[in-house]
Amino acid sequence: MTTTRFAPSPTGRLHVGNIRTALHNWMLARQAGGTFILRIDDTDAERSREEYAEAIRADLTWLGLTWDREERQSARLDRYDAAFEALRAAGRIYPAYESAQELEVKRKIALGRGLPPIYDRAALGLSDAERAAKEAEGIAPHWRFKLDHDEAIEWDDGIRGRQKFAASQLSDPVIRRADGSWLYMMPSTVDDIDMGVSQVLRGEDHVSNTAVQIQIFTALFAAGFAAHEGAAKSLPQFAHEALLVGKEGKLSKRLGSLGCDAFREAGIEPEAIIALLARLGTSQPIEPIADRALLTQSFDLATFGRAPAKFDEADLERINAAIVHQLPFDAVKDRLPEGMDEAGWHAVQPNLAHVHEAAEWWRLVTGPIEAREFSQEDRAYLAEAAEALTWGDNPWGALTMALKEATGRKGKALFLPLRQALTGMDHGPDMGELLPLIGEAEARARLRAAAG
């Protein structure tokens, strides 16, 4: 079974890049009839906040990205301890004692010599006595995973194609801090095994992490860690999508803060966000498709490109307006102004870029409207209109036809003074739909008032 996961850390709010990753994993799972897991990566107790975890759930729910199960890393510490002991027994974990300052010095020296800043494995050369001496000095070790330099690291990436890394060109990653807390690498791998994750889709900034984690996967499998029922018995399929950039082609600080709160405040519909992000970075056309089943059916990693995916808020606004024009009354009725029924929504809908704008257009029905100045000739014309107004199935058509025959007016001269007198505006919703909403008595009163 296809199983994907979205694994945010509850150290802040979701931003548009996170949302895109969540969406694509959700679509992979839904397309295959599989399982989508929300995994809260909250091993960083100092920075993790429950209010952020709640906000993540709320944002995903607003977007309609429902998850089949939720896991929390903070509830799985015993599994990480078990994996740690299994790897240590296999000789794949070792203690290291350098301080952050010492490691930074080593990094600068390597760069100064034109060498890659790779950890030199000095800790492996310490004797038992030297390690004991350091710990007697109160220096607690952090723990590194020992990469196998003889093991080739290769995989077929779902987006980037064949990937190859030389383990000797990677640093042995720190997997556990001196205080016993966990870093990202090993817990994530343990979770993917335990939860049977079959596909890992994430940003291209994780490519080198994947190279390291493949060896952690392999070491855990070799240590028999995946023997329990339901665990993955093989590597997941990996895919790394290009990161989002702004419309100028540069990484944007705004993209790091642009999230659901900002979208809601701007009146953006969840369907518009989904329609844009579903295909952003692919060769497929970005269209205002509100049908998620259609978007999911057409989702294909083979269409993703290697170039950065450009996020343009103008595109989102354009798609949002088109989505709003598709929304049925039942989908928006709770957000419309008091008194607006389905006929009212249908009348104003083509003029909206955001649902909240309906209130301003509804004012044309409820009043008051802006008083306009008319020429003497137009005032006489409007007075005639007030008398010619009759009510039936199509009062606007009947009125304009009668005035055309009586006055000889046509085009702008026929229609514009009427619209201005009835709405106070030069443009707006179709008058054939709007006039019945205004009502006969109010319409006649507005025409008479404009006529003076």
Protein backbone atom coordinates (compact mmCIF):
# COMPACT_ATOMS: atom_id res chain seq x y z
CA MET A 1 0.00 0.00 0.00
CA THR A 2 1.16 3.51 -0.79
CA THR A 3 1.91 5.38 2.42
CA THR A 4 3.13 8.97 2.47
CA ARG A 5 3.76 11.39 5.27
CA PHE A 6 3.93 15.10 5.94
CA ALA A 7 6.25 15.79 8.85
CA PRO A 8 6.23 19.41 10.04
CA SER A 9 8.00 20.57 13.18
CA PRO A 10 5.67 22.53 15.50
CA THR A 11 8.14 25.39 15.82
CA GLY A 12 6.17 27.83 13.68
CA ARG A 13 3.26 28.21 11.28
CA LEU A 14 3.01 26.44 7.95
CA HIS A 15 4.14 28.54 4.99
CA VAL A 16 3.35 28.12 1.32
CA GLY A 17 6.32 25.78 0.73
CA ASN A 18 5.18 23.47 3.54
CA ILE A 19 1.64 23.53 2.19
CA ARG A 20 2.85 22.48 -1.26
CA THR A 21 4.78 19.54 0.22
CA ALA A 22 1.78 18.46 2.28
CA LEU A 23 -0.51 18.71 -0.74
CA HIS A 24 1.72 16.64 -3.00
CA ASN A 25 2.09 13.88 -0.41
CA TRP A 26 -1.67 13.94 0.16
CA MET A 27 -2.28 13.63 -3.58
CA LEU A 28 0.17 10.73 -3.93
CA ALA A 29 -1.66 8.85 -1.21
CA ARG A 30 -5.16 9.67 -2.44
CA GLN A 31 -4.31 8.82 -6.03
CA ALA A 32 -3.27 5.31 -4.98
CA GLY A 33 -6.01 4.84 -2.39
CA GLY A 34 -3.29 4.72 0.24
CA THR A 35 -2.53 6.29 3.60
CA PHE A 36 -1.50 9.87 4.34
CA ILE A 37 0.17 10.34 7.72
CA LEU A 38 0.53 13.60 9.60
CA ARG A 39 3.68 13.23 11.68
CA ILE A 40 4.43 15.97 14.17
CA ASP A 41 8.22 16.12 14.50
CA ASP A 42 8.39 17.51 18.02
CA THR A 43 11.61 16.06 19.39
CA ASP A 44 12.97 19.60 19.83
CA ALA A 45 11.26 20.17 23.17
CA GLU A 46 12.76 23.64 23.60
CA ARG A 47 11.31 25.07 20.37
CA SER A 48 8.19 22.94 19.88
CA ARG A 49 4.88 24.52 20.93
CA GLU A 50 1.49 22.86 21.19
CA GLU A 51 -0.21 25.95 19.76
CA TYR A 52 1.81 25.46 16.59
CA ALA A 53 0.77 21.80 16.38
CA GLU A 54 -2.86 22.90 16.73
CA ALA A 55 -2.37 25.57 14.06
CA ILE A 56 -0.87 23.00 11.67
CA ARG A 57 -3.91 20.77 12.11
CA ALA A 58 -6.27 23.72 11.65
CA ASP A 59 -4.54 24.89 8.47
CA LEU A 60 -4.52 21.43 6.90
CA THR A 61 -8.19 21.02 7.80
CA TRP A 62 -9.06 24.40 6.23
CA LEU A 63 -7.24 23.32 3.09
CA GLY A 64 -9.11 20.01 3.05
CA LEU A 65 -5.93 17.95 3.41
CA THR A 66 -7.31 15.34 5.77
CA TRP A 67 -4.92 12.79 7.23
CA ASP A 68 -5.59 9.13 7.94
CA ARG A 69 -3.53 8.95 11.11
CA GLU A 70 -1.41 11.23 13.25
CA GLU A 71 1.88 10.36 14.89
CA ARG A 72 4.02 12.38 17.27
CA GLN A 73 7.73 11.85 17.66
CA SER A 74 7.59 12.85 21.32
CA ALA A 75 5.50 9.71 21.93
CA ARG A 76 8.04 7.46 20.22
CA LEU A 77 11.24 8.09 22.16
CA ASP A 78 11.46 4.45 23.22
CA ARG A 79 11.68 3.41 19.56
CA TYR A 80 14.55 5.81 18.96
CA ASP A 81 16.35 4.45 22.02
CA ALA A 82 15.89 0.91 20.68
CA ALA A 83 17.23 1.90 17.25
CA PHE A 84 20.15 3.70 18.88
CA GLU A 85 21.12 0.62 20.87
CA ALA A 86 20.79 -1.62 17.82
CA LEU A 87 23.08 0.62 15.78
CA ARG A 88 25.56 1.01 18.61
CA ALA A 89 25.72 -2.76 19.04
CA ALA A 90 26.41 -3.03 15.31
CA GLY A 91 29.28 -0.56 15.58
CA ARG A 92 27.52 2.10 13.50
CA ILE A 93 27.32 4.76 16.21
CA TYR A 94 30.23 6.36 18.04
CA PRO A 95 30.68 9.11 20.65
CA ALA A 96 32.36 12.41 19.73
CA TYR A 97 33.50 15.11 22.11
CA GLU A 98 34.34 18.21 20.07
CA SER A 99 32.62 21.43 21.03
CA ALA A 100 30.76 23.53 18.48
CA GLN A 101 33.66 25.97 18.50
CA GLU A 102 36.19 23.20 17.80
CA LEU A 103 34.13 21.88 14.93
CA GLU A 104 33.85 25.37 13.45
CA VAL A 105 37.65 25.75 13.57
CA LYS A 106 38.05 22.43 11.77
CA ARG A 107 35.53 23.52 9.17
CA LYS A 108 37.36 26.78 8.48
CA ILE A 109 40.72 25.02 8.23
CA ALA A 110 39.34 22.57 5.68
CA LEU A 111 37.79 25.34 3.62
CA GLY A 112 41.05 27.31 3.81
CA ARG A 113 42.84 24.34 2.31
CA GLY A 114 40.30 24.02 -0.47
CA LEU A 115 38.85 20.86 1.01
CA PRO A 116 35.19 20.01 1.65
CA PRO A 117 34.23 20.75 5.29
CA ILE A 118 33.74 17.09 6.21
CA TYR A 119 34.13 15.81 9.76
CA ASP A 120 37.55 14.18 10.08
CA ARG A 121 36.41 11.32 12.33
CA ALA A 122 38.94 12.28 14.98
CA ALA A 123 36.67 10.83 17.65
CA LEU A 124 37.15 7.36 16.18
CA GLY A 125 40.83 7.54 17.04
CA LEU A 126 40.25 8.07 20.76
CA SER A 127 41.18 5.23 23.07
CA ASP A 128 38.90 4.04 25.86
CA ALA A 129 41.15 5.84 28.32
CA GLU A 130 40.95 9.12 26.37
CA ARG A 131 37.19 8.93 26.20
CA ALA A 132 37.00 8.20 29.91
CA ALA A 133 39.26 11.16 30.62
CA LYS A 134 37.04 13.52 28.65
CA GLU A 135 33.94 12.32 30.44
CA ALA A 136 35.74 12.67 33.77
CA GLU A 137 36.26 16.31 32.80
CA GLY A 138 32.48 16.62 32.45
CA ILE A 139 32.47 16.55 28.65
CA ALA A 140 29.41 14.58 27.60
CA PRO A 141 29.59 13.09 24.10
CA HIS A 142 27.31 13.69 21.21
CA TRP A 143 26.74 10.71 18.94
CA ARG A 144 27.48 10.26 15.25
CA PHE A 145 26.33 7.65 12.77
CA LYS A 146 29.31 6.03 11.06
CA LEU A 147 28.85 6.04 7.32
CA ASP A 148 30.15 3.05 5.39
CA HIS A 149 32.62 4.54 2.93
CA ASP A 150 32.67 1.29 0.96
CA GLU A 151 28.92 1.24 0.40
CA ALA A 152 27.70 3.05 -2.70
CA ILE A 153 24.78 5.39 -2.14
CA GLU A 154 22.48 5.40 -5.16
CA TRP A 155 18.79 5.70 -5.81
CA ASP A 156 16.38 6.45 -8.61
CA ASP A 157 14.79 9.74 -7.63
CA GLY A 158 11.19 10.19 -8.74
CA ILE A 159 11.96 13.70 -9.99
CA ARG A 160 15.74 14.10 -10.26
CA GLY A 161 16.54 10.73 -11.82
CA ARG A 162 19.52 8.58 -10.89
CA GLN A 163 21.40 9.97 -7.86
CA LYS A 164 24.86 8.91 -6.70
CA PHE A 165 26.80 9.99 -3.63
CA ALA A 166 30.20 8.96 -2.33
CA ALA A 167 29.86 8.34 1.40
CA SER A 168 33.45 9.52 1.89
CA GLN A 169 32.36 12.97 0.76
CA LEU A 170 29.73 13.24 3.49
CA SER A 171 30.18 13.93 7.19
CA ASP A 172 29.12 11.29 9.69
CA PRO A 173 25.91 12.93 10.88
CA VAL A 174 25.27 13.80 14.51
CA ILE A 175 22.12 11.90 15.42
CA ARG A 176 21.96 12.60 19.15
CA ARG A 177 23.03 15.60 21.16
CA ALA A 178 25.06 15.49 24.36
CA ASP A 179 21.90 16.14 26.38
CA GLY A 180 20.31 13.01 24.92
CA SER A 181 17.90 14.83 22.58
CA TRP A 182 17.51 13.76 18.97
CA LEU A 183 18.36 15.44 15.72
CA TYR A 184 16.39 14.86 12.54
CA MET A 185 18.26 12.06 10.76
CA MET A 186 17.66 8.88 12.73
CA PRO A 187 14.18 9.46 14.22
CA SER A 188 12.82 10.28 10.77
CA THR A 189 14.28 7.06 9.38
CA VAL A 190 12.94 5.00 12.29
CA ASP A 191 9.49 6.51 11.78
CA ASP A 192 9.50 5.75 8.05
CA ILE A 193 10.32 2.13 8.82
CA ASP A 194 7.83 1.71 11.65
CA MET A 195 5.01 3.43 9.77
CA GLY A 196 5.61 1.59 6.52
CA VAL A 197 6.21 4.75 4.53
CA SER A 198 6.55 3.75 0.90
CA GLN A 199 7.18 7.15 -0.71
CA VAL A 200 9.12 10.11 0.64
CA LEU A 201 8.42 13.29 -1.32
CA ARG A 202 10.15 16.42 -0.03
CA GLY A 203 12.18 19.44 -1.10
CA GLU A 204 15.47 19.24 -2.93
CA ASP A 205 17.22 20.66 0.14
CA HIS A 206 16.90 17.15 1.59
CA VAL A 207 18.84 15.37 -1.16
CA SER A 208 22.04 14.99 0.89
CA ASN A 209 19.93 13.98 3.90
CA THR A 210 18.47 11.19 1.80
CA ALA A 211 21.95 9.94 0.94
CA VAL A 212 22.78 9.69 4.64
CA GLN A 213 19.43 8.23 5.61
CA ILE A 214 19.69 5.47 3.02
CA GLN A 215 22.68 4.15 4.96
CA ILE A 216 20.76 4.49 8.24
CA PHE A 217 17.90 2.52 6.68
CA THR A 218 20.30 -0.16 5.51
CA ALA A 219 22.03 -0.40 8.89
CA LEU A 220 18.71 -0.70 10.74
CA PHE A 221 17.49 -3.40 8.36
CA ALA A 222 20.76 -5.29 8.85
CA ALA A 223 20.36 -5.00 12.63
CA GLY A 224 16.90 -6.61 12.41
CA PHE A 225 15.15 -3.46 13.57
CA ALA A 226 12.35 -3.78 10.98
CA ALA A 227 11.29 -7.26 12.03
CA HIS A 228 7.97 -6.20 13.60
CA GLU A 229 4.65 -6.50 11.78
CA GLY A 230 3.67 -3.57 9.62
CA ALA A 231 7.20 -2.19 9.32
CA ALA A 232 8.77 -1.40 5.98
CA LYS A 233 11.17 -4.07 4.82
CA SER A 234 12.80 -2.03 2.08
CA LEU A 235 13.72 1.53 1.25
CA PRO A 236 10.93 3.93 0.35
CA GLN A 237 10.91 5.56 -3.05
CA PHE A 238 12.43 9.04 -2.81
CA ALA A 239 11.56 12.14 -4.81
CA HIS A 240 12.85 15.67 -4.30
CA GLU A 241 10.99 18.60 -5.81
CA ALA A 242 12.46 22.00 -6.62
CA LEU A 243 11.94 24.65 -3.98
CA LEU A 244 9.63 27.62 -4.38
CA VAL A 245 11.01 31.01 -5.34
CA GLY A 246 9.37 34.40 -5.82
CA LYS A 247 8.32 35.71 -9.21
CA GLU A 248 11.70 37.45 -9.58
CA GLY A 249 13.37 34.04 -9.49
CA LYS A 250 14.93 34.55 -6.07
CA LEU A 251 14.26 32.98 -2.73
CA SER A 252 11.88 35.29 -0.93
CA LYS A 253 11.58 35.94 2.78
CA ARG A 254 7.90 36.55 2.16
CA LEU A 255 7.44 32.96 1.01
CA GLY A 256 8.70 31.89 4.42
CA SER A 257 5.90 33.79 6.14
CA LEU A 258 3.10 33.48 3.58
CA GLY A 259 0.68 30.99 5.08
CA CYS A 260 -2.98 30.20 5.62
CA ASP A 261 -3.59 33.22 7.85
CA ALA A 262 -2.35 35.54 5.10
CA PHE A 263 -4.40 33.70 2.50
CA ARG A 264 -7.56 33.86 4.60
CA GLU A 265 -7.03 37.57 5.31
CA ALA A 266 -6.68 38.21 1.58
CA GLY A 267 -9.88 36.30 0.83
CA ILE A 268 -8.17 33.45 -1.00
CA GLU A 269 -10.19 30.26 -1.32
CA PRO A 270 -8.62 26.93 -0.32
CA GLU A 271 -9.56 25.58 -3.76
CA ALA A 272 -7.47 28.31 -5.41
CA ILE A 273 -4.43 27.47 -3.30
CA ILE A 274 -4.82 23.78 -4.12
CA ALA A 275 -5.28 24.44 -7.85
CA LEU A 276 -2.11 26.54 -8.02
CA LEU A 277 0.18 24.46 -5.82
CA ALA A 278 -0.94 21.13 -7.28
CA ARG A 279 0.79 21.91 -10.56
CA LEU A 280 3.32 24.56 -9.65
CA GLY A 281 6.72 23.35 -10.83
CA THR A 282 5.27 20.88 -13.33
CA SER A 283 4.79 20.94 -17.08
CA GLN A 284 1.02 20.76 -16.63
CA PRO A 285 -1.04 23.92 -17.14
CA ILE A 286 -2.11 25.76 -14.00
CA GLU A 287 -5.85 26.14 -14.28
CA PRO A 288 -8.69 27.13 -11.94
CA ILE A 289 -9.73 23.53 -11.31
CA ALA A 290 -11.90 23.23 -8.22
CA ASP A 291 -12.34 19.47 -8.59
CA ARG A 292 -9.66 17.90 -6.39
CA ALA A 293 -10.37 14.47 -7.78
CA LEU A 294 -9.40 15.72 -11.24
CA LEU A 295 -6.23 17.35 -9.91
CA THR A 296 -5.31 14.21 -8.01
CA GLN A 297 -5.97 11.95 -10.97
CA SER A 298 -3.63 14.01 -13.17
CA PHE A 299 -0.86 14.34 -10.55
CA ASP A 300 2.36 12.86 -11.95
CA LEU A 301 5.91 13.18 -10.60
CA ALA A 302 7.19 12.69 -14.15
CA THR A 303 5.86 16.16 -15.02
CA PHE A 304 7.99 17.91 -12.38
CA GLY A 305 10.97 19.91 -13.58
CA ARG A 306 14.33 20.64 -11.99
CA ALA A 307 14.03 24.42 -12.27
CA PRO A 308 12.86 26.38 -9.21
CA ALA A 309 9.08 26.66 -9.02
CA LYS A 310 8.02 30.31 -9.25
CA PHE A 311 5.22 31.37 -6.94
CA ASP A 312 3.45 34.54 -8.08
CA GLU A 313 0.68 35.99 -5.91
CA ALA A 314 -0.85 37.54 -9.04
CA ASP A 315 -1.37 34.03 -10.42
CA LEU A 316 -3.05 33.04 -7.18
CA GLU A 317 -5.37 36.06 -7.37
CA ARG A 318 -6.27 35.24 -10.97
CA ILE A 319 -7.06 31.64 -10.12
CA ASN A 320 -8.98 32.70 -7.03
CA ALA A 321 -11.29 34.96 -9.04
CA ALA A 322 -11.99 32.13 -11.49
CA ILE A 323 -12.66 29.73 -8.62
CA VAL A 324 -15.05 32.22 -6.97
CA HIS A 325 -16.97 32.40 -10.23
CA GLN A 326 -17.53 28.62 -9.97
CA LEU A 327 -18.60 28.40 -6.33
CA PRO A 328 -22.20 27.31 -5.74
CA PHE A 329 -24.40 29.24 -3.35
CA ASP A 330 -24.39 26.46 -0.74
CA ALA A 331 -20.59 26.68 -0.52
CA VAL A 332 -20.62 30.38 0.37
CA LYS A 333 -24.00 31.14 1.94
CA ASP A 334 -22.61 31.33 5.46
CA ARG A 335 -20.17 34.04 4.35
CA LEU A 336 -22.63 36.27 2.50
CA PRO A 337 -24.28 39.45 3.83
CA GLU A 338 -27.61 39.16 5.57
CA GLY A 339 -30.47 38.90 3.17
CA MET A 340 -28.48 37.76 0.15
CA ASP A 341 -30.15 34.68 -1.31
CA GLU A 342 -29.14 32.44 -4.19
CA ALA A 343 -30.46 34.91 -6.76
CA GLY A 344 -28.40 37.67 -5.16
CA TRP A 345 -25.27 35.53 -5.20
CA HIS A 346 -25.83 34.61 -8.83
CA ALA A 347 -26.23 38.28 -9.72
CA VAL A 348 -23.02 39.55 -8.12
CA GLN A 349 -20.81 36.46 -8.53
CA PRO A 350 -19.33 37.37 -11.96
CA ASN A 351 -18.09 40.68 -10.52
CA LEU A 352 -16.21 39.17 -7.58
CA ALA A 353 -12.53 38.41 -7.14
CA HIS A 354 -13.15 37.40 -3.50
CA VAL A 355 -16.29 36.22 -1.75
CA HIS A 356 -16.14 39.01 0.85
CA GLU A 357 -16.64 41.57 -1.91
CA ALA A 358 -20.25 40.39 -2.19
CA ALA A 359 -21.16 42.68 0.70
CA GLU A 360 -20.14 45.78 -1.23
CA TRP A 361 -22.10 44.75 -4.31
CA TRP A 362 -25.12 43.82 -2.17
CA ARG A 363 -25.23 47.43 -1.04
CA LEU A 364 -26.53 48.22 -4.54
CA VAL A 365 -29.64 46.28 -3.57
CA THR A 366 -30.10 47.37 0.02
CA GLY A 367 -28.90 50.97 -0.43
CA PRO A 368 -28.16 53.68 0.11
CA ILE A 369 -26.58 54.32 -3.25
CA GLU A 370 -24.44 57.23 -4.40
CA ALA A 371 -26.46 60.13 -5.82
CA ARG A 372 -25.33 61.09 -9.33
CA GLU A 373 -25.62 64.38 -11.24
CA PHE A 374 -27.59 64.13 -14.48
CA SER A 375 -28.16 66.50 -17.37
CA GLN A 376 -31.59 68.01 -17.86
CA GLU A 377 -32.13 65.72 -20.83
CA ASP A 378 -31.20 62.62 -18.81
CA ARG A 379 -33.42 63.72 -15.90
CA ALA A 380 -36.37 63.87 -18.25
CA TYR A 381 -35.39 60.47 -19.59
CA LEU A 382 -35.26 59.00 -16.05
CA ALA A 383 -38.62 60.51 -15.18
CA GLU A 384 -40.05 58.78 -18.23
CA ALA A 385 -38.35 55.57 -17.10
CA ALA A 386 -40.00 55.78 -13.68
CA GLU A 387 -43.40 55.89 -15.32
CA ALA A 388 -42.58 53.22 -17.90
CA LEU A 389 -41.35 50.72 -15.28
CA THR A 390 -43.53 47.61 -15.17
CA TRP A 391 -43.00 44.42 -13.22
CA GLY A 392 -42.98 40.90 -14.57
CA ASP A 393 -40.59 38.07 -15.34
CA ASN A 394 -38.05 40.42 -16.98
CA PRO A 395 -38.58 44.00 -15.76
CA TRP A 396 -35.20 45.23 -17.06
CA GLY A 397 -35.81 43.89 -20.55
CA ALA A 398 -39.34 45.30 -20.60
CA LEU A 399 -38.15 48.73 -19.37
CA THR A 400 -35.30 49.13 -21.83
CA MET A 401 -37.40 47.91 -24.74
CA ALA A 402 -40.19 50.39 -23.91
CA LEU A 403 -37.70 53.27 -23.53
CA LYS A 404 -35.92 52.39 -26.76
CA GLU A 405 -39.20 52.54 -28.66
CA ALA A 406 -40.38 55.70 -26.91
CA THR A 407 -37.16 57.74 -27.01
CA GLY A 408 -35.11 56.26 -29.84
CA ARG A 409 -32.16 55.89 -27.50
CA LYS A 410 -29.84 52.91 -27.84
CA GLY A 411 -26.52 51.62 -26.55
CA LYS A 412 -24.80 53.62 -23.83
CA ALA A 413 -27.33 56.46 -23.95
CA LEU A 414 -30.11 53.97 -23.29
CA PHE A 415 -28.51 51.87 -20.55
CA LEU A 416 -25.94 53.98 -18.65
CA PRO A 417 -28.28 56.63 -17.12
CA LEU A 418 -30.56 53.84 -15.91
CA ARG A 419 -27.68 51.93 -14.28
CA GLN A 420 -26.36 55.12 -12.68
CA ALA A 421 -29.76 56.05 -11.32
CA LEU A 422 -30.52 52.57 -10.02
CA THR A 423 -27.09 51.68 -8.59
CA GLY A 424 -25.03 54.86 -8.41
CA MET A 425 -22.32 53.15 -10.48
CA ASP A 426 -21.14 53.08 -14.09
CA HIS A 427 -20.64 49.33 -14.11
CA GLY A 428 -21.50 46.26 -12.09
CA PRO A 429 -23.69 43.18 -12.06
CA ASP A 430 -26.06 42.35 -14.87
CA MET A 431 -29.03 44.68 -14.49
CA GLY A 432 -31.40 41.99 -15.66
CA GLU A 433 -30.53 40.04 -12.50
CA LEU A 434 -30.06 43.03 -10.22
CA LEU A 435 -33.28 44.93 -10.88
CA PRO A 436 -35.62 42.19 -9.54
CA LEU A 437 -33.55 42.15 -6.35
CA ILE A 438 -33.92 45.91 -5.89
CA GLY A 439 -37.69 45.57 -6.21
CA GLU A 440 -40.33 47.59 -8.03
CA ALA A 441 -41.05 50.22 -5.39
CA GLU A 442 -37.41 50.93 -4.60
CA ALA A 443 -36.43 51.00 -8.27
CA ARG A 444 -39.19 53.49 -9.10
CA ALA A 445 -38.16 55.63 -6.11
CA ARG A 446 -34.53 55.70 -7.25
CA LEU A 447 -35.48 56.65 -10.78
CA ARG A 448 -37.72 59.47 -9.53
CA ALA A 449 -35.04 60.71 -7.13
CA ALA A 450 -32.49 60.81 -9.97
CA ALA A 451 -35.00 62.65 -12.16
CA GLY A 452 -35.29 65.33 -9.50
